[in-house]
């Protein structure tokens, strides 16, 4: 439409102006070229943009369809039951358990005290426990008693704190460790002083190490829901949707 208007205006200018044939031809040629550009540029732009816009529309539809499928309750539980299982390897006495001890569902988080993604997952796990009284969480560590394993000290300390039986203090200690911008064991240890309790945690670390080897833990955090590995494509923050 714009192109037609421009071309019409050009013709009217020529018709109402006293120009020689040569001048008229020049003016007409200039206006014609301008109108041609005005016609071609939008057409070419639309030709180039149309496939992109169509792909974006398809991608948006596919993303919405994927989300609907991903957060389908039956799909999730069906996928979960087909994942690797640890039901043959009891973890009931390992690590630190927080939340309602009689809860119907159990989330196991296998983690390393210096693991960045484990720290990111920690507040999400705490949120699930806070919002769902029918869910408890069990935190199992991959630390060892080897001298060069720097994770051993904070793990022993966290285990010793949990052993005292004060769940509020245990929650706070876990938050202080995992939510700290810089993980400094000496600062943490000064905040939660111990008197010989750390040496008593050696056996617990060995038990966790043996369990991790039996169930073949390959990365942290590894998440299990009711004894089954969290399916690929899901994150710990998604779990609350299915357990609430």
C-alpha atoms as a PDB file:
ATOM      1  CA  UNK A   1       0.000   0.000   0.000  1.00  0.00           C
ATOM      2  CA  UNK A   2       2.789   2.409   0.940  1.00  0.00           C
ATOM      3  CA  UNK A   3       4.609   1.578  -2.264  1.00  0.00           C
ATOM      4  CA  UNK A   4       1.546   2.369  -4.393  1.00  0.00           C
ATOM      5  CA  UNK A   5       1.095   5.735  -2.676  1.00  0.00           C
ATOM      6  CA  UNK A   6       4.718   6.691  -3.294  1.00  0.00           C
ATOM      7  CA  UNK A   7       4.518   5.692  -6.940  1.00  0.00           C
ATOM      8  CA  UNK A   8       1.254   7.617  -7.403  1.00  0.00           C
ATOM      9  CA  UNK A   9       2.711  10.732  -5.814  1.00  0.00           C
ATOM     10  CA  UNK A  10       5.678  10.508  -8.139  1.00  0.00           C
ATOM     11  CA  UNK A  11       3.413  10.325 -11.194  1.00  0.00           C
ATOM     12  CA  UNK A  12       1.328  13.299  -9.975  1.00  0.00           C
ATOM     13  CA  UNK A  13       4.457  15.367  -9.429  1.00  0.00           C
ATOM     14  CA  UNK A  14       5.575  14.651 -12.965  1.00  0.00           C
ATOM     15  CA  UNK A  15       2.116  15.366 -14.402  1.00  0.00           C
ATOM     16  CA  UNK A  16       1.810  18.739 -12.672  1.00  0.00           C
ATOM     17  CA  UNK A  17       5.329  19.978 -13.331  1.00  0.00           C
ATOM     18  CA  UNK A  18       6.615  21.577 -16.516  1.00  0.00           C
ATOM     19  CA  UNK A  19       9.634  19.440 -17.312  1.00  0.00           C
ATOM     20  CA  UNK A  20      11.444  18.552 -20.485  1.00  0.00           C
ATOM     21  CA  UNK A  21      11.241  14.993 -21.734  1.00  0.00           C
ATOM     22  CA  UNK A  22      14.775  14.309 -20.493  1.00  0.00           C
ATOM     23  CA  UNK A  23      14.009  15.757 -17.048  1.00  0.00           C
ATOM     24  CA  UNK A  24      10.724  13.862 -16.897  1.00  0.00           C
ATOM     25  CA  UNK A  25      12.488  10.612 -17.710  1.00  0.00           C
ATOM     26  CA  UNK A  26      15.085  11.242 -14.980  1.00  0.00           C
ATOM     27  CA  UNK A  27      12.459  12.089 -12.352  1.00  0.00           C
ATOM     28  CA  UNK A  28      10.362   9.084 -13.316  1.00  0.00           C
ATOM     29  CA  UNK A  29      13.378   6.782 -13.184  1.00  0.00           C
ATOM     30  CA  UNK A  30      14.378   8.070  -9.743  1.00  0.00           C
ATOM     31  CA  UNK A  31      10.857   7.695  -8.354  1.00  0.00           C
ATOM     32  CA  UNK A  32      10.466   4.295  -9.950  1.00  0.00           C
ATOM     33  CA  UNK A  33      13.710   3.050  -8.379  1.00  0.00           C
ATOM     34  CA  UNK A  34      12.677   4.466  -5.002  1.00  0.00           C
ATOM     35  CA  UNK A  35       9.268   2.801  -5.265  1.00  0.00           C
ATOM     36  CA  UNK A  36      10.915  -0.449  -6.342  1.00  0.00           C
ATOM     37  CA  UNK A  37      13.158  -0.399  -3.275  1.00  0.00           C
ATOM     38  CA  UNK A  38      10.179   0.422  -1.082  1.00  0.00           C
ATOM     39  CA  UNK A  39       8.359  -2.553  -2.580  1.00  0.00           C
ATOM     40  CA  UNK A  40      11.225  -5.043  -2.408  1.00  0.00           C
ATOM     41  CA  UNK A  41      12.625  -4.318   1.073  1.00  0.00           C
ATOM     42  CA  UNK A  42       9.437  -5.244   3.010  1.00  0.00           C
ATOM     43  CA  UNK A  43       8.864  -8.240   0.740  1.00  0.00           C
ATOM     44  CA  UNK A  44      12.405  -9.556   1.195  1.00  0.00           C
ATOM     45  CA  UNK A  45      12.271  -8.861   4.940  1.00  0.00           C
ATOM     46  CA  UNK A  46       9.035 -10.811   5.278  1.00  0.00           C
ATOM     47  CA  UNK A  47      10.458 -13.623   3.150  1.00  0.00           C
ATOM     48  CA  UNK A  48      13.451 -13.888   5.508  1.00  0.00           C
ATOM     49  CA  UNK A  49      11.554 -13.398   8.761  1.00  0.00           C
ATOM     50  CA  UNK A  50       8.576 -15.642   8.060  1.00  0.00           C
ATOM     51  CA  UNK A  51      10.453 -18.971   8.569  1.00  0.00           C
ATOM     52  CA  UNK A  52      12.040 -17.631  11.772  1.00  0.00           C
ATOM     53  CA  UNK A  53       8.698 -16.488  13.176  1.00  0.00           C
ATOM     54  CA  UNK A  54       7.183 -19.830  12.270  1.00  0.00           C
ATOM     55  CA  UNK A  55       9.992 -21.702  14.039  1.00  0.00           C
ATOM     56  CA  UNK A  56       9.566 -19.516  17.126  1.00  0.00           C
ATOM     57  CA  UNK A  57       5.852 -20.261  17.142  1.00  0.00           C
ATOM     58  CA  UNK A  58       6.521 -23.997  16.841  1.00  0.00           C
ATOM     59  CA  UNK A  59       9.186 -23.840  19.578  1.00  0.00           C
ATOM     60  CA  UNK A  60       6.769 -22.040  21.896  1.00  0.00           C
ATOM     61  CA  UNK A  61       4.118 -24.678  21.257  1.00  0.00           C
ATOM     62  CA  UNK A  62       6.600 -27.525  21.787  1.00  0.00           C
ATOM     63  CA  UNK A  63       7.866 -25.968  25.034  1.00  0.00           C
ATOM     64  CA  UNK A  64       4.309 -25.676  26.333  1.00  0.00           C
ATOM     65  CA  UNK A  65       3.566 -29.263  25.305  1.00  0.00           C
ATOM     66  CA  UNK A  66       6.791 -30.475  26.953  1.00  0.00           C
ATOM     67  CA  UNK A  67       5.932 -28.684  30.201  1.00  0.00           C
ATOM     68  CA  UNK A  68       2.454 -30.205  30.215  1.00  0.00           C
ATOM     69  CA  UNK A  69       3.961 -33.655  29.697  1.00  0.00           C
ATOM     70  CA  UNK A  70       6.807 -33.123  32.163  1.00  0.00           C
ATOM     71  CA  UNK A  71       4.499 -32.040  34.972  1.00  0.00           C
ATOM     72  CA  UNK A  72       1.945 -34.737  34.342  1.00  0.00           C
ATOM     73  CA  UNK A  73       1.649 -36.676  37.589  1.00  0.00           C
ATOM     74  CA  UNK A  74       1.263 -40.082  35.948  1.00  0.00           C
ATOM     75  CA  UNK A  75       4.191 -39.478  33.593  1.00  0.00           C
ATOM     76  CA  UNK A  76       6.515 -38.477  36.443  1.00  0.00           C
ATOM     77  CA  UNK A  77       5.741 -41.433  38.710  1.00  0.00           C
ATOM     78  CA  UNK A  78       5.896 -43.834  35.779  1.00  0.00           C
ATOM     79  CA  UNK A  79       9.327 -42.508  34.771  1.00  0.00           C
ATOM     80  CA  UNK A  80      10.510 -42.594  38.373  1.00  0.00           C
ATOM     81  CA  UNK A  81       9.606 -46.255  38.855  1.00  0.00           C
ATOM     82  CA  UNK A  82      11.692 -47.130  35.797  1.00  0.00           C
ATOM     83  CA  UNK A  83      14.869 -45.496  37.110  1.00  0.00           C
ATOM     84  CA  UNK A  84      17.757 -47.084  38.985  1.00  0.00           C
ATOM     85  CA  UNK A  85      16.647 -48.277  42.404  1.00  0.00           C
ATOM     86  CA  UNK A  86      18.463 -48.391  45.745  1.00  0.00           C
ATOM     87  CA  UNK A  87      15.771 -50.381  47.561  1.00  0.00           C
ATOM     88  CA  UNK A  88      18.209 -53.283  47.959  1.00  0.00           C
ATOM     89  CA  UNK A  89      20.763 -51.036  49.675  1.00  0.00           C
ATOM     90  CA  UNK A  90      19.322 -49.630  52.879  1.00  0.00           C
ATOM     91  CA  UNK A  91      20.354 -46.078  53.711  1.00  0.00           C
ATOM     92  CA  UNK A  92      18.140 -45.649  56.768  1.00  0.00           C
ATOM     93  CA  UNK A  93      20.959 -45.038  59.262  1.00  0.00           C
ATOM     94  CA  UNK A  94      23.237 -43.001  57.029  1.00  0.00           C
ATOM     95  CA  UNK A  95      23.985 -39.290  56.959  1.00  0.00           C
ATOM     96  CA  UNK A  96      21.648 -36.616  58.299  1.00  0.00           C
ATOM     97  CA  UNK A  97      17.860 -36.853  58.254  1.00  0.00           C
ATOM     98  CA  UNK A  98      15.688 -33.741  58.500  1.00  0.00           C
ATOM     99  CA  UNK A  99      11.930 -33.340  58.479  1.00  0.00           C
ATOM    100  CA  UNK A 100       9.163 -35.561  59.788  1.00  0.00           C
ATOM    101  CA  UNK A 101      10.754 -38.950  60.639  1.00  0.00           C
ATOM    102  CA  UNK A 102       7.409 -40.660  59.922  1.00  0.00           C
ATOM    103  CA  UNK A 103       6.893 -38.974  56.549  1.00  0.00           C
ATOM    104  CA  UNK A 104       5.493 -40.982  53.654  1.00  0.00           C
ATOM    105  CA  UNK A 105       8.100 -39.811  51.142  1.00  0.00           C
ATOM    106  CA  UNK A 106      11.885 -39.744  51.449  1.00  0.00           C
ATOM    107  CA  UNK A 107      14.239 -37.628  49.371  1.00  0.00           C
ATOM    108  CA  UNK A 108      17.870 -38.702  49.480  1.00  0.00           C
ATOM    109  CA  UNK A 109      20.441 -36.151  48.391  1.00  0.00           C
ATOM    110  CA  UNK A 110      23.939 -37.525  47.901  1.00  0.00           C
ATOM    111  CA  UNK A 111      26.314 -34.596  47.980  1.00  0.00           C
ATOM    112  CA  UNK A 112      29.797 -33.254  48.527  1.00  0.00           C
ATOM    113  CA  UNK A 113      30.329 -30.389  51.010  1.00  0.00           C
ATOM    114  CA  UNK A 114      32.265 -28.376  48.412  1.00  0.00           C
ATOM    115  CA  UNK A 115      29.946 -29.102  45.475  1.00  0.00           C
ATOM    116  CA  UNK A 116      28.445 -25.933  43.931  1.00  0.00           C
ATOM    117  CA  UNK A 117      25.299 -27.589  42.503  1.00  0.00           C
ATOM    118  CA  UNK A 118      24.786 -29.282  45.895  1.00  0.00           C
ATOM    119  CA  UNK A 119      24.775 -25.862  47.542  1.00  0.00           C
ATOM    120  CA  UNK A 120      22.247 -24.632  44.967  1.00  0.00           C
ATOM    121  CA  UNK A 121      20.011 -27.632  45.646  1.00  0.00           C
ATOM    122  CA  UNK A 122      20.120 -27.178  49.433  1.00  0.00           C
ATOM    123  CA  UNK A 123      17.578 -24.316  49.816  1.00  0.00           C
ATOM    124  CA  UNK A 124      15.240 -26.079  47.379  1.00  0.00           C
ATOM    125  CA  UNK A 125      15.389 -29.199  49.540  1.00  0.00           C
ATOM    126  CA  UNK A 126      14.778 -27.169  52.694  1.00  0.00           C
ATOM    127  CA  UNK A 127      11.756 -25.535  51.041  1.00  0.00           C
ATOM    128  CA  UNK A 128      10.251 -28.925  50.181  1.00  0.00           C
ATOM    129  CA  UNK A 129      10.648 -30.123  53.773  1.00  0.00           C
ATOM    130  CA  UNK A 130       9.147 -26.912  55.122  1.00  0.00           C
ATOM    131  CA  UNK A 131       6.098 -27.036  52.841  1.00  0.00           C
ATOM    132  CA  UNK A 132       5.481 -30.784  53.008  1.00  0.00           C
ATOM    133  CA  UNK A 133       5.165 -32.440  56.432  1.00  0.00           C
ATOM    134  CA  UNK A 134       4.805 -35.770  54.628  1.00  0.00           C
ATOM    135  CA  UNK A 135       8.330 -35.535  53.183  1.00  0.00           C
ATOM    136  CA  UNK A 136      11.650 -36.085  54.917  1.00  0.00           C
ATOM    137  CA  UNK A 137      15.119 -35.576  53.503  1.00  0.00           C
ATOM    138  CA  UNK A 138      18.230 -37.628  54.028  1.00  0.00           C
ATOM    139  CA  UNK A 139      21.603 -36.102  53.237  1.00  0.00           C
ATOM    140  CA  UNK A 140      24.393 -38.564  52.489  1.00  0.00           C
ATOM    141  CA  UNK A 141      27.935 -37.348  51.879  1.00  0.00           C
ATOM    142  CA  UNK A 142      30.571 -38.714  49.513  1.00  0.00           C
ATOM    143  CA  UNK A 143      33.471 -37.821  51.831  1.00  0.00           C
ATOM    144  CA  UNK A 144      36.139 -40.325  52.843  1.00  0.00           C
ATOM    145  CA  UNK A 145      38.543 -40.615  55.768  1.00  0.00           C
ATOM    146  CA  UNK A 146      41.584 -40.149  53.561  1.00  0.00           C
ATOM    147  CA  UNK A 147      43.948 -37.395  54.697  1.00  0.00           C
ATOM    148  CA  UNK A 148      43.791 -35.564  51.360  1.00  0.00           C
ATOM    149  CA  UNK A 149      39.968 -35.410  51.364  1.00  0.00           C
ATOM    150  CA  UNK A 150      39.181 -31.861  52.462  1.00  0.00           C
ATOM    151  CA  UNK A 151      35.477 -32.718  52.649  1.00  0.00           C
ATOM    152  CA  UNK A 152      36.025 -35.011  55.641  1.00  0.00           C
ATOM    153  CA  UNK A 153      36.275 -32.234  58.251  1.00  0.00           C
ATOM    154  CA  UNK A 154      33.040 -30.359  57.429  1.00  0.00           C
ATOM    155  CA  UNK A 155      31.170 -33.654  57.008  1.00  0.00           C
ATOM    156  CA  UNK A 156      32.333 -34.911  60.412  1.00  0.00           C
ATOM    157  CA  UNK A 157      31.338 -31.592  61.911  1.00  0.00           C
ATOM    158  CA  UNK A 158      27.850 -31.653  60.368  1.00  0.00           C
ATOM    159  CA  UNK A 159      27.354 -35.261  61.469  1.00  0.00           C
ATOM    160  CA  UNK A 160      28.435 -34.387  65.008  1.00  0.00           C
ATOM    161  CA  UNK A 161      25.998 -31.463  65.117  1.00  0.00           C
ATOM    162  CA  UNK A 162      23.136 -33.665  63.889  1.00  0.00           C
ATOM    163  CA  UNK A 163      24.070 -36.336  66.428  1.00  0.00           C
ATOM    164  CA  UNK A 164      23.160 -33.934  69.242  1.00  0.00           C
ATOM    165  CA  UNK A 165      19.523 -34.228  68.171  1.00  0.00           C
ATOM    166  CA  UNK A 166      18.631 -30.538  67.915  1.00  0.00           C
ATOM    167  CA  UNK A 167      16.956 -30.277  64.499  1.00  0.00           C
ATOM    168  CA  UNK A 168      16.856 -26.474  64.561  1.00  0.00           C
ATOM    169  CA  UNK A 169      20.622 -26.320  65.081  1.00  0.00           C
ATOM    170  CA  UNK A 170      21.138 -28.973  62.406  1.00  0.00           C
ATOM    171  CA  UNK A 171      19.101 -26.947  59.890  1.00  0.00           C
ATOM    172  CA  UNK A 172      21.017 -23.803  60.774  1.00  0.00           C
ATOM    173  CA  UNK A 173      24.398 -25.525  60.487  1.00  0.00           C
ATOM    174  CA  UNK A 174      23.499 -26.922  57.061  1.00  0.00           C
ATOM    175  CA  UNK A 175      22.373 -23.450  55.969  1.00  0.00           C
ATOM    176  CA  UNK A 176      25.525 -21.836  57.348  1.00  0.00           C
ATOM    177  CA  UNK A 177      27.686 -24.252  55.420  1.00  0.00           C
ATOM    178  CA  UNK A 178      25.887 -24.553  52.099  1.00  0.00           C
ATOM    179  CA  UNK A 179      24.686 -20.956  51.789  1.00  0.00           C
ATOM    180  CA  UNK A 180      28.033 -19.374  52.657  1.00  0.00           C
ATOM    181  CA  UNK A 181      29.592 -17.418  49.786  1.00  0.00           C
ATOM    182  CA  UNK A 182      32.975 -18.824  50.737  1.00  0.00           C
ATOM    183  CA  UNK A 183      33.188 -22.176  52.486  1.00  0.00           C
ATOM    184  CA  UNK A 184      35.743 -21.708  55.247  1.00  0.00           C
ATOM    185  CA  UNK A 185      35.890 -24.687  57.571  1.00  0.00           C
ATOM    186  CA  UNK A 186      37.781 -22.865  60.343  1.00  0.00           C
ATOM    187  CA  UNK A 187      35.112 -20.147  60.536  1.00  0.00           C
ATOM    188  CA  UNK A 188      32.381 -22.788  60.551  1.00  0.00           C
ATOM    189  CA  UNK A 189      34.135 -24.867  63.229  1.00  0.00           C
ATOM    190  CA  UNK A 190      34.528 -21.836  65.507  1.00  0.00           C
ATOM    191  CA  UNK A 191      30.804 -21.175  65.254  1.00  0.00           C
ATOM    192  CA  UNK A 192      29.975 -24.762  66.250  1.00  0.00           C
ATOM    193  CA  UNK A 193      32.688 -25.820  68.740  1.00  0.00           C
ATOM    194  CA  UNK A 194      33.161 -29.526  69.417  1.00  0.00           C
ATOM    195  CA  UNK A 195      34.975 -31.462  72.111  1.00  0.00           C
ATOM    196  CA  UNK A 196      36.043 -34.866  70.843  1.00  0.00           C
ATOM    197  CA  UNK A 197      32.822 -35.557  68.899  1.00  0.00           C
ATOM    198  CA  UNK A 198      34.502 -35.364  65.489  1.00  0.00           C
ATOM    199  CA  UNK A 199      36.628 -38.464  66.058  1.00  0.00           C
ATOM    200  CA  UNK A 200      33.451 -40.482  66.637  1.00  0.00           C
ATOM    201  CA  UNK A 201      32.229 -39.823  63.079  1.00  0.00           C
ATOM    202  CA  UNK A 202      34.893 -41.882  61.284  1.00  0.00           C
ATOM    203  CA  UNK A 203      32.745 -45.009  61.193  1.00  0.00           C
ATOM    204  CA  UNK A 204      29.768 -43.090  59.779  1.00  0.00           C
ATOM    205  CA  UNK A 205      31.901 -41.726  56.957  1.00  0.00           C
ATOM    206  CA  UNK A 206      33.132 -45.222  56.110  1.00  0.00           C
ATOM    207  CA  UNK A 207      29.536 -46.485  56.019  1.00  0.00           C
ATOM    208  CA  UNK A 208      28.488 -43.692  53.654  1.00  0.00           C
ATOM    209  CA  UNK A 209      31.519 -44.329  51.451  1.00  0.00           C
ATOM    210  CA  UNK A 210      30.710 -48.051  51.209  1.00  0.00           C
ATOM    211  CA  UNK A 211      27.066 -47.297  50.399  1.00  0.00           C
ATOM    212  CA  UNK A 212      28.002 -44.783  47.671  1.00  0.00           C
ATOM    213  CA  UNK A 213      30.262 -47.382  46.077  1.00  0.00           C
ATOM    214  CA  UNK A 214      27.557 -50.069  46.186  1.00  0.00           C
ATOM    215  CA  UNK A 215      24.919 -47.884  44.516  1.00  0.00           C
ATOM    216  CA  UNK A 216      27.553 -46.482  42.111  1.00  0.00           C
ATOM    217  CA  UNK A 217      27.217 -42.771  42.798  1.00  0.00           C
ATOM    218  CA  UNK A 218      28.888 -41.001  39.865  1.00  0.00           C
ATOM    219  CA  UNK A 219      28.055 -37.328  40.440  1.00  0.00           C
ATOM    220  CA  UNK A 220      26.732 -34.905  43.029  1.00  0.00           C
ATOM    221  CA  UNK A 221      24.109 -34.049  43.823  1.00  0.00           C
ATOM    222  CA  UNK A 222      22.431 -37.364  43.084  1.00  0.00           C
ATOM    223  CA  UNK A 223      18.766 -37.318  44.062  1.00  0.00           C
ATOM    224  CA  UNK A 224      16.587 -40.303  44.923  1.00  0.00           C
ATOM    225  CA  UNK A 225      12.832 -40.145  45.509  1.00  0.00           C
ATOM    226  CA  UNK A 226      11.427 -43.017  47.553  1.00  0.00           C
ATOM    227  CA  UNK A 227      14.379 -45.163  46.550  1.00  0.00           C
ATOM    228  CA  UNK A 228      14.437 -44.302  42.827  1.00  0.00           C
ATOM    229  CA  UNK A 229      16.825 -42.033  40.940  1.00  0.00           C
ATOM    230  CA  UNK A 230      15.318 -38.704  39.891  1.00  0.00           C
ATOM    231  CA  UNK A 231      14.668 -38.975  36.110  1.00  0.00           C
ATOM    232  CA  UNK A 232      16.697 -36.913  33.658  1.00  0.00           C
ATOM    233  CA  UNK A 233      15.067 -33.621  32.753  1.00  0.00           C
ATOM    234  CA  UNK A 234      13.887 -33.021  36.318  1.00  0.00           C
ATOM    235  CA  UNK A 235      15.505 -30.868  38.978  1.00  0.00           C
ATOM    236  CA  UNK A 236      15.068 -30.919  42.720  1.00  0.00           C
ATOM    237  CA  UNK A 237      12.922 -27.772  42.526  1.00  0.00           C
ATOM    238  CA  UNK A 238      10.401 -29.715  40.391  1.00  0.00           C
ATOM    239  CA  UNK A 239       9.831 -32.346  43.080  1.00  0.00           C
ATOM    240  CA  UNK A 240       7.614 -30.153  45.224  1.00  0.00           C
ATOM    241  CA  UNK A 241       4.974 -30.155  42.474  1.00  0.00           C
ATOM    242  CA  UNK A 242       4.553 -33.932  42.745  1.00  0.00           C
ATOM    243  CA  UNK A 243       4.849 -34.284  46.514  1.00  0.00           C
ATOM    244  CA  UNK A 244       2.616 -31.386  47.567  1.00  0.00           C
END
